[in-house]
C-alpha atoms as a PDB file:
ATOM      1  CA  UNK A   1      48.754  83.236  10.915  1.00  0.00           C
ATOM      2  CA  UNK A   2      45.519  82.160   9.247  1.00  0.00           C
ATOM      3  CA  UNK A   3      43.973  84.919   7.074  1.00  0.00           C
ATOM      4  CA  UNK A   4      40.819  86.290   8.694  1.00  0.00           C
ATOM      5  CA  UNK A   5      38.632  85.622   5.660  1.00  0.00           C
ATOM      6  CA  UNK A   6      39.167  81.847   5.866  1.00  0.00           C
ATOM      7  CA  UNK A   7      37.006  81.804   9.002  1.00  0.00           C
ATOM      8  CA  UNK A   8      34.261  83.970   7.479  1.00  0.00           C
ATOM      9  CA  UNK A   9      31.554  82.134   5.538  1.00  0.00           C
ATOM     10  CA  UNK A  10      30.307  84.789   3.150  1.00  0.00           C
ATOM     11  CA  UNK A  11      28.758  84.631  -0.286  1.00  0.00           C
ATOM     12  CA  UNK A  12      30.010  87.613  -2.259  1.00  0.00           C
ATOM     13  CA  UNK A  13      27.730  86.626  -5.184  1.00  0.00           C
ATOM     14  CA  UNK A  14      24.358  84.888  -4.825  1.00  0.00           C
ATOM     15  CA  UNK A  15      22.243  84.381  -7.951  1.00  0.00           C
ATOM     16  CA  UNK A  16      18.966  82.514  -7.576  1.00  0.00           C
ATOM     17  CA  UNK A  17      16.903  81.543 -10.642  1.00  0.00           C
ATOM     18  CA  UNK A  18      18.148  84.578 -12.569  1.00  0.00           C
ATOM     19  CA  UNK A  19      16.764  85.144 -16.057  1.00  0.00           C
ATOM     20  CA  UNK A  20      17.767  87.893 -18.453  1.00  0.00           C
ATOM     21  CA  UNK A  21      15.774  88.775 -21.561  1.00  0.00           C
ATOM     22  CA  UNK A  22      16.099  91.635 -24.034  1.00  0.00           C
ATOM     23  CA  UNK A  23      13.279  93.451 -25.875  1.00  0.00           C
ATOM     24  CA  UNK A  24      10.840  92.273 -23.197  1.00  0.00           C
ATOM     25  CA  UNK A  25       7.219  92.408 -24.349  1.00  0.00           C
ATOM     26  CA  UNK A  26       8.116  92.759 -28.017  1.00  0.00           C
ATOM     27  CA  UNK A  27       7.778  90.114 -30.742  1.00  0.00           C
ATOM     28  CA  UNK A  28      11.581  89.881 -30.854  1.00  0.00           C
ATOM     29  CA  UNK A  29      11.967  89.226 -27.107  1.00  0.00           C
ATOM     30  CA  UNK A  30      14.987  87.016 -26.534  1.00  0.00           C
ATOM     31  CA  UNK A  31      15.990  85.352 -23.277  1.00  0.00           C
ATOM     32  CA  UNK A  32      19.778  85.124 -22.951  1.00  0.00           C
ATOM     33  CA  UNK A  33      20.170  83.660 -19.457  1.00  0.00           C
ATOM     34  CA  UNK A  34      17.890  80.898 -18.227  1.00  0.00           C
ATOM     35  CA  UNK A  35      17.495  80.283 -14.497  1.00  0.00           C
ATOM     36  CA  UNK A  36      21.064  80.909 -13.334  1.00  0.00           C
ATOM     37  CA  UNK A  37      21.941  79.683  -9.826  1.00  0.00           C
ATOM     38  CA  UNK A  38      25.444  80.621  -8.749  1.00  0.00           C
ATOM     39  CA  UNK A  39      27.267  81.453  -5.539  1.00  0.00           C
ATOM     40  CA  UNK A  40      30.827  82.686  -5.235  1.00  0.00           C
ATOM     41  CA  UNK A  41      32.427  82.947  -1.809  1.00  0.00           C
ATOM     42  CA  UNK A  42      34.905  85.390  -0.386  1.00  0.00           C
ATOM     43  CA  UNK A  43      38.468  84.569  -1.494  1.00  0.00           C
ATOM     44  CA  UNK A  44      37.236  82.242  -4.256  1.00  0.00           C
ATOM     45  CA  UNK A  45      38.851  82.458  -7.705  1.00  0.00           C
ATOM     46  CA  UNK A  46      36.191  81.249 -10.149  1.00  0.00           C
ATOM     47  CA  UNK A  47      36.739  80.898 -13.900  1.00  0.00           C
ATOM     48  CA  UNK A  48      33.834  81.332 -16.317  1.00  0.00           C
ATOM     49  CA  UNK A  49      34.162  79.555 -19.665  1.00  0.00           C
ATOM     50  CA  UNK A  50      31.970  79.029 -22.704  1.00  0.00           C
ATOM     51  CA  UNK A  51      31.838  79.772 -26.421  1.00  0.00           C
ATOM     52  CA  UNK A  52      31.284  83.265 -27.794  1.00  0.00           C
ATOM     53  CA  UNK A  53      27.631  84.257 -27.544  1.00  0.00           C
ATOM     54  CA  UNK A  54      26.907  81.848 -24.708  1.00  0.00           C
ATOM     55  CA  UNK A  55      25.906  84.562 -22.206  1.00  0.00           C
ATOM     56  CA  UNK A  56      29.171  85.074 -20.299  1.00  0.00           C
ATOM     57  CA  UNK A  57      29.273  88.838 -20.798  1.00  0.00           C
ATOM     58  CA  UNK A  58      25.589  89.168 -19.915  1.00  0.00           C
ATOM     59  CA  UNK A  59      26.247  87.220 -16.725  1.00  0.00           C
ATOM     60  CA  UNK A  60      29.176  89.503 -15.865  1.00  0.00           C
ATOM     61  CA  UNK A  61      27.123  92.635 -16.570  1.00  0.00           C
ATOM     62  CA  UNK A  62      24.445  91.456 -14.143  1.00  0.00           C
ATOM     63  CA  UNK A  63      26.937  90.605 -11.409  1.00  0.00           C
ATOM     64  CA  UNK A  64      28.691  93.938 -12.008  1.00  0.00           C
ATOM     65  CA  UNK A  65      25.346  95.751 -11.584  1.00  0.00           C
ATOM     66  CA  UNK A  66      25.673  97.244 -15.065  1.00  0.00           C
ATOM     67  CA  UNK A  67      22.361  95.630 -16.010  1.00  0.00           C
ATOM     68  CA  UNK A  68      19.378  94.190 -14.151  1.00  0.00           C
ATOM     69  CA  UNK A  69      17.909  90.667 -14.210  1.00  0.00           C
ATOM     70  CA  UNK A  70      14.520  90.225 -15.842  1.00  0.00           C
ATOM     71  CA  UNK A  71      13.564  87.932 -12.957  1.00  0.00           C
ATOM     72  CA  UNK A  72      15.173  86.097 -10.069  1.00  0.00           C
ATOM     73  CA  UNK A  73      17.253  87.464  -7.209  1.00  0.00           C
ATOM     74  CA  UNK A  74      20.815  88.750  -7.115  1.00  0.00           C
ATOM     75  CA  UNK A  75      22.695  89.496  -3.914  1.00  0.00           C
ATOM     76  CA  UNK A  76      26.087  91.179  -3.938  1.00  0.00           C
ATOM     77  CA  UNK A  77      28.035  91.330  -0.671  1.00  0.00           C
ATOM     78  CA  UNK A  78      24.890  90.312   1.248  1.00  0.00           C
ATOM     79  CA  UNK A  79      22.755  93.067  -0.273  1.00  0.00           C
ATOM     80  CA  UNK A  80      19.705  92.240  -2.360  1.00  0.00           C
ATOM     81  CA  UNK A  81      20.067  94.306  -5.524  1.00  0.00           C
ATOM     82  CA  UNK A  82      16.975  93.736  -7.627  1.00  0.00           C
ATOM     83  CA  UNK A  83      14.893  96.432  -5.886  1.00  0.00           C
ATOM     84  CA  UNK A  84      17.656  99.042  -5.593  1.00  0.00           C
ATOM     85  CA  UNK A  85      17.430 102.292  -7.552  1.00  0.00           C
ATOM     86  CA  UNK A  86      20.216 103.450  -9.859  1.00  0.00           C
ATOM     87  CA  UNK A  87      21.876 105.607  -7.185  1.00  0.00           C
ATOM     88  CA  UNK A  88      22.031 102.721  -4.727  1.00  0.00           C
ATOM     89  CA  UNK A  89      23.371 100.372  -7.420  1.00  0.00           C
ATOM     90  CA  UNK A  90      26.097 102.882  -8.295  1.00  0.00           C
ATOM     91  CA  UNK A  91      27.073 103.186  -4.640  1.00  0.00           C
ATOM     92  CA  UNK A  92      27.181  99.416  -4.141  1.00  0.00           C
ATOM     93  CA  UNK A  93      29.145  98.874  -7.344  1.00  0.00           C
ATOM     94  CA  UNK A  94      31.624 101.687  -6.651  1.00  0.00           C
ATOM     95  CA  UNK A  95      32.487 100.455  -3.162  1.00  0.00           C
ATOM     96  CA  UNK A  96      32.418  96.692  -3.657  1.00  0.00           C
ATOM     97  CA  UNK A  97      33.246  95.760  -7.262  1.00  0.00           C
ATOM     98  CA  UNK A  98      36.372  96.249  -9.359  1.00  0.00           C
ATOM     99  CA  UNK A  99      36.472  95.685 -13.127  1.00  0.00           C
ATOM    100  CA  UNK A 100      39.254  94.556 -15.469  1.00  0.00           C
ATOM    101  CA  UNK A 101      38.327  94.153 -19.137  1.00  0.00           C
ATOM    102  CA  UNK A 102      40.035  92.672 -22.187  1.00  0.00           C
ATOM    103  CA  UNK A 103      40.818  96.221 -23.303  1.00  0.00           C
ATOM    104  CA  UNK A 104      42.188  98.306 -20.454  1.00  0.00           C
ATOM    105  CA  UNK A 105      40.036 101.458 -21.006  1.00  0.00           C
ATOM    106  CA  UNK A 106      42.683 103.723 -19.519  1.00  0.00           C
ATOM    107  CA  UNK A 107      42.635 107.479 -20.162  1.00  0.00           C
ATOM    108  CA  UNK A 108      45.515 108.065 -22.607  1.00  0.00           C
ATOM    109  CA  UNK A 109      46.109 111.701 -21.621  1.00  0.00           C
ATOM    110  CA  UNK A 110      46.691 110.679 -17.983  1.00  0.00           C
ATOM    111  CA  UNK A 111      49.663 109.046 -16.307  1.00  0.00           C
ATOM    112  CA  UNK A 112      49.541 105.600 -14.760  1.00  0.00           C
ATOM    113  CA  UNK A 113      49.244 107.229 -11.330  1.00  0.00           C
ATOM    114  CA  UNK A 114      46.368 109.470 -12.407  1.00  0.00           C
ATOM    115  CA  UNK A 115      44.496 106.552 -13.974  1.00  0.00           C
ATOM    116  CA  UNK A 116      44.727 104.527 -10.768  1.00  0.00           C
ATOM    117  CA  UNK A 117      43.405 107.500  -8.797  1.00  0.00           C
ATOM    118  CA  UNK A 118      40.263 107.839 -10.934  1.00  0.00           C
ATOM    119  CA  UNK A 119      37.933 105.551  -8.889  1.00  0.00           C
ATOM    120  CA  UNK A 120      38.952 107.354  -5.703  1.00  0.00           C
ATOM    121  CA  UNK A 121      38.371 110.747  -7.338  1.00  0.00           C
ATOM    122  CA  UNK A 122      34.965 109.606  -8.523  1.00  0.00           C
ATOM    123  CA  UNK A 123      34.092 108.699  -4.953  1.00  0.00           C
ATOM    124  CA  UNK A 124      35.529 111.738  -3.124  1.00  0.00           C
ATOM    125  CA  UNK A 125      35.307 114.394  -5.824  1.00  0.00           C
ATOM    126  CA  UNK A 126      38.743 115.922  -5.283  1.00  0.00           C
ATOM    127  CA  UNK A 127      42.309 114.581  -4.903  1.00  0.00           C
ATOM    128  CA  UNK A 128      44.250 114.431  -1.673  1.00  0.00           C
ATOM    129  CA  UNK A 129      47.537 113.030  -0.412  1.00  0.00           C
ATOM    130  CA  UNK A 130      45.887 109.835   0.812  1.00  0.00           C
ATOM    131  CA  UNK A 131      44.726 109.017  -2.721  1.00  0.00           C
ATOM    132  CA  UNK A 132      48.167 109.671  -4.173  1.00  0.00           C
ATOM    133  CA  UNK A 133      49.736 107.427  -1.548  1.00  0.00           C
ATOM    134  CA  UNK A 134      47.228 104.634  -2.221  1.00  0.00           C
ATOM    135  CA  UNK A 135      47.756 104.854  -5.997  1.00  0.00           C
ATOM    136  CA  UNK A 136      51.536 104.759  -5.614  1.00  0.00           C
ATOM    137  CA  UNK A 137      51.325 101.715  -3.345  1.00  0.00           C
ATOM    138  CA  UNK A 138      49.126  99.880  -5.848  1.00  0.00           C
ATOM    139  CA  UNK A 139      51.471 100.611  -8.737  1.00  0.00           C
ATOM    140  CA  UNK A 140      54.367  99.425  -6.574  1.00  0.00           C
ATOM    141  CA  UNK A 141      52.405  96.232  -5.882  1.00  0.00           C
ATOM    142  CA  UNK A 142      51.883  95.522  -9.595  1.00  0.00           C
ATOM    143  CA  UNK A 143      55.553  96.166 -10.367  1.00  0.00           C
ATOM    144  CA  UNK A 144      55.227  99.540 -12.082  1.00  0.00           C
ATOM    145  CA  UNK A 145      57.121 101.789  -9.680  1.00  0.00           C
ATOM    146  CA  UNK A 146      59.451 103.239 -12.369  1.00  0.00           C
ATOM    147  CA  UNK A 147      56.509 103.973 -14.694  1.00  0.00           C
ATOM    148  CA  UNK A 148      54.123 105.693 -12.268  1.00  0.00           C
ATOM    149  CA  UNK A 149      54.446 109.101 -13.960  1.00  0.00           C
ATOM    150  CA  UNK A 150      54.457 107.820 -17.547  1.00  0.00           C
ATOM    151  CA  UNK A 151      51.518 108.484 -19.839  1.00  0.00           C
ATOM    152  CA  UNK A 152      49.778 105.151 -20.294  1.00  0.00           C
ATOM    153  CA  UNK A 153      50.132 105.350 -24.086  1.00  0.00           C
ATOM    154  CA  UNK A 154      53.874 105.013 -23.552  1.00  0.00           C
ATOM    155  CA  UNK A 155      53.478 101.690 -21.723  1.00  0.00           C
ATOM    156  CA  UNK A 156      53.398  98.198 -23.208  1.00  0.00           C
ATOM    157  CA  UNK A 157      50.161  96.224 -23.439  1.00  0.00           C
ATOM    158  CA  UNK A 158      51.088  94.126 -20.427  1.00  0.00           C
ATOM    159  CA  UNK A 159      51.996  97.212 -18.405  1.00  0.00           C
ATOM    160  CA  UNK A 160      48.736  98.917 -19.349  1.00  0.00           C
ATOM    161  CA  UNK A 161      46.775  95.904 -18.176  1.00  0.00           C
ATOM    162  CA  UNK A 162      48.634  95.951 -14.865  1.00  0.00           C
ATOM    163  CA  UNK A 163      47.653  99.614 -14.479  1.00  0.00           C
ATOM    164  CA  UNK A 164      44.060  98.522 -15.123  1.00  0.00           C
ATOM    165  CA  UNK A 165      44.352  95.901 -12.379  1.00  0.00           C
ATOM    166  CA  UNK A 166      45.764  98.496  -9.962  1.00  0.00           C
ATOM    167  CA  UNK A 167      42.882 100.835 -10.823  1.00  0.00           C
ATOM    168  CA  UNK A 168      40.370  98.039 -10.168  1.00  0.00           C
ATOM    169  CA  UNK A 169      41.866  97.586  -6.690  1.00  0.00           C
ATOM    170  CA  UNK A 170      41.793 101.288  -5.776  1.00  0.00           C
ATOM    171  CA  UNK A 171      38.613 101.066  -3.670  1.00  0.00           C
ATOM    172  CA  UNK A 172      39.676  97.754  -2.097  1.00  0.00           C
ATOM    173  CA  UNK A 173      36.629  95.896  -3.473  1.00  0.00           C
ATOM    174  CA  UNK A 174      35.301  92.602  -2.179  1.00  0.00           C
ATOM    175  CA  UNK A 175      34.773  91.345  -5.737  1.00  0.00           C
ATOM    176  CA  UNK A 176      36.877  91.659  -8.872  1.00  0.00           C
ATOM    177  CA  UNK A 177      35.297  90.955 -12.265  1.00  0.00           C
ATOM    178  CA  UNK A 178      37.826  90.149 -14.985  1.00  0.00           C
ATOM    179  CA  UNK A 179      36.446  89.838 -18.529  1.00  0.00           C
ATOM    180  CA  UNK A 180      39.120  88.240 -20.753  1.00  0.00           C
ATOM    181  CA  UNK A 181      41.872  90.333 -19.096  1.00  0.00           C
ATOM    182  CA  UNK A 182      44.620  88.315 -20.819  1.00  0.00           C
ATOM    183  CA  UNK A 183      42.901  87.965 -24.196  1.00  0.00           C
ATOM    184  CA  UNK A 184      44.951  90.665 -25.958  1.00  0.00           C
ATOM    185  CA  UNK A 185      48.289  89.831 -24.319  1.00  0.00           C
ATOM    186  CA  UNK A 186      51.229  87.673 -25.324  1.00  0.00           C
ATOM    187  CA  UNK A 187      51.806  84.544 -23.233  1.00  0.00           C
ATOM    188  CA  UNK A 188      54.418  86.138 -20.945  1.00  0.00           C
ATOM    189  CA  UNK A 189      52.271  89.195 -20.194  1.00  0.00           C
ATOM    190  CA  UNK A 190      49.176  87.013 -19.771  1.00  0.00           C
ATOM    191  CA  UNK A 191      50.985  84.900 -17.192  1.00  0.00           C
ATOM    192  CA  UNK A 192      52.108  88.020 -15.321  1.00  0.00           C
ATOM    193  CA  UNK A 193      48.576  89.437 -15.172  1.00  0.00           C
ATOM    194  CA  UNK A 194      47.073  86.110 -14.077  1.00  0.00           C
ATOM    195  CA  UNK A 195      49.752  85.723 -11.379  1.00  0.00           C
ATOM    196  CA  UNK A 196      48.942  89.224 -10.153  1.00  0.00           C
ATOM    197  CA  UNK A 197      45.232  88.421  -9.903  1.00  0.00           C
ATOM    198  CA  UNK A 198      46.016  85.191  -8.055  1.00  0.00           C
ATOM    199  CA  UNK A 199      48.270  87.079  -5.635  1.00  0.00           C
ATOM    200  CA  UNK A 200      45.533  89.611  -4.848  1.00  0.00           C
ATOM    201  CA  UNK A 201      43.002  86.806  -4.421  1.00  0.00           C
ATOM    202  CA  UNK A 202      45.173  84.908  -1.953  1.00  0.00           C
ATOM    203  CA  UNK A 203      46.644  87.788   0.014  1.00  0.00           C
ATOM    204  CA  UNK A 204      43.558  90.007   0.295  1.00  0.00           C
ATOM    205  CA  UNK A 205      40.770  87.432   0.246  1.00  0.00           C
ATOM    206  CA  UNK A 206      39.172  89.084  -2.776  1.00  0.00           C
ATOM    207  CA  UNK A 207      36.652  87.028  -4.753  1.00  0.00           C
ATOM    208  CA  UNK A 208      37.399  86.962  -8.481  1.00  0.00           C
ATOM    209  CA  UNK A 209      35.151  86.018 -11.384  1.00  0.00           C
ATOM    210  CA  UNK A 210      37.517  85.401 -14.294  1.00  0.00           C
ATOM    211  CA  UNK A 211      36.017  85.061 -17.788  1.00  0.00           C
ATOM    212  CA  UNK A 212      38.461  83.376 -20.135  1.00  0.00           C
ATOM    213  CA  UNK A 213      38.869  81.166 -23.199  1.00  0.00           C
ATOM    214  CA  UNK A 214      42.275  80.031 -21.934  1.00  0.00           C
ATOM    215  CA  UNK A 215      41.746  76.489 -20.614  1.00  0.00           C
ATOM    216  CA  UNK A 216      45.227  76.364 -19.061  1.00  0.00           C
ATOM    217  CA  UNK A 217      44.626  79.461 -16.946  1.00  0.00           C
ATOM    218  CA  UNK A 218      41.090  78.345 -16.057  1.00  0.00           C
ATOM    219  CA  UNK A 219      42.438  75.028 -14.758  1.00  0.00           C
ATOM    220  CA  UNK A 220      44.528  76.963 -12.227  1.00  0.00           C
ATOM    221  CA  UNK A 221      41.463  78.652 -10.725  1.00  0.00           C
ATOM    222  CA  UNK A 222      39.576  77.223  -7.736  1.00  0.00           C
ATOM    223  CA  UNK A 223      36.524  76.363  -9.831  1.00  0.00           C
ATOM    224  CA  UNK A 224      35.335  76.466 -13.440  1.00  0.00           C
ATOM    225  CA  UNK A 225      31.770  77.476 -14.309  1.00  0.00           C
ATOM    226  CA  UNK A 226      30.688  76.694 -17.869  1.00  0.00           C
ATOM    227  CA  UNK A 227      28.024  78.742 -19.653  1.00  0.00           C
ATOM    228  CA  UNK A 228      26.441  77.180 -22.740  1.00  0.00           C
ATOM    229  CA  UNK A 229      23.514  78.848 -24.521  1.00  0.00           C
ATOM    230  CA  UNK A 230      22.589  80.776 -21.390  1.00  0.00           C
ATOM    231  CA  UNK A 231      22.658  77.812 -19.008  1.00  0.00           C
ATOM    232  CA  UNK A 232      25.201  76.840 -16.368  1.00  0.00           C
ATOM    233  CA  UNK A 233      26.112  73.384 -17.632  1.00  0.00           C
ATOM    234  CA  UNK A 234      28.886  72.441 -15.243  1.00  0.00           C
ATOM    235  CA  UNK A 235      30.742  73.617 -12.173  1.00  0.00           C
ATOM    236  CA  UNK A 236      34.085  71.856 -11.955  1.00  0.00           C
ATOM    237  CA  UNK A 237      36.413  72.065  -8.994  1.00  0.00           C
END
């Protein structure tokens, strides 16, 4: 059976002539991104590459609605974001975007299960059986069934990153932003995390923006976007 998302033409990310500057209006004003035009479709796995300081993290912060463009337009899941207030941005981000970073940012005093539940708790305000069930299913999916009740500090680096992936999927987002998620992992763990992201992308139709310095992993994505000195310099299929 053909997955439903293959018949749905939908841009999950639409950036049109996006600029981002810091210290605007001051003598030290610096523009970091220069006229970015980028679309990412549902179910697309897009790698973002470029040297350190090229603007990759700034680009990801804008797409993740953690920062605002200085000019240009940004649509996320068909919603124009540049005029939204902070409350509306938080709502849109919480329901549509998952984040996985180079460092997992788990809560060390909590178990794997409790960490995965955190986005759902933030949304609902109190735990219930449905959340517990969802968190258990996600940990099963990432291969951590025996470690669900372990404190995350007692897990390996690769296991912690898989918990972080499960947490990012808790709200079933349309878009997953992964900022060097394999950068601190050994080659075996990095492969396992990448394979997990690819599995989610293919089975759930989730769009993924994957920032990496690993050319081998990037080559296995659907497309590579290169950022050099704040410009998109190439989009390779």
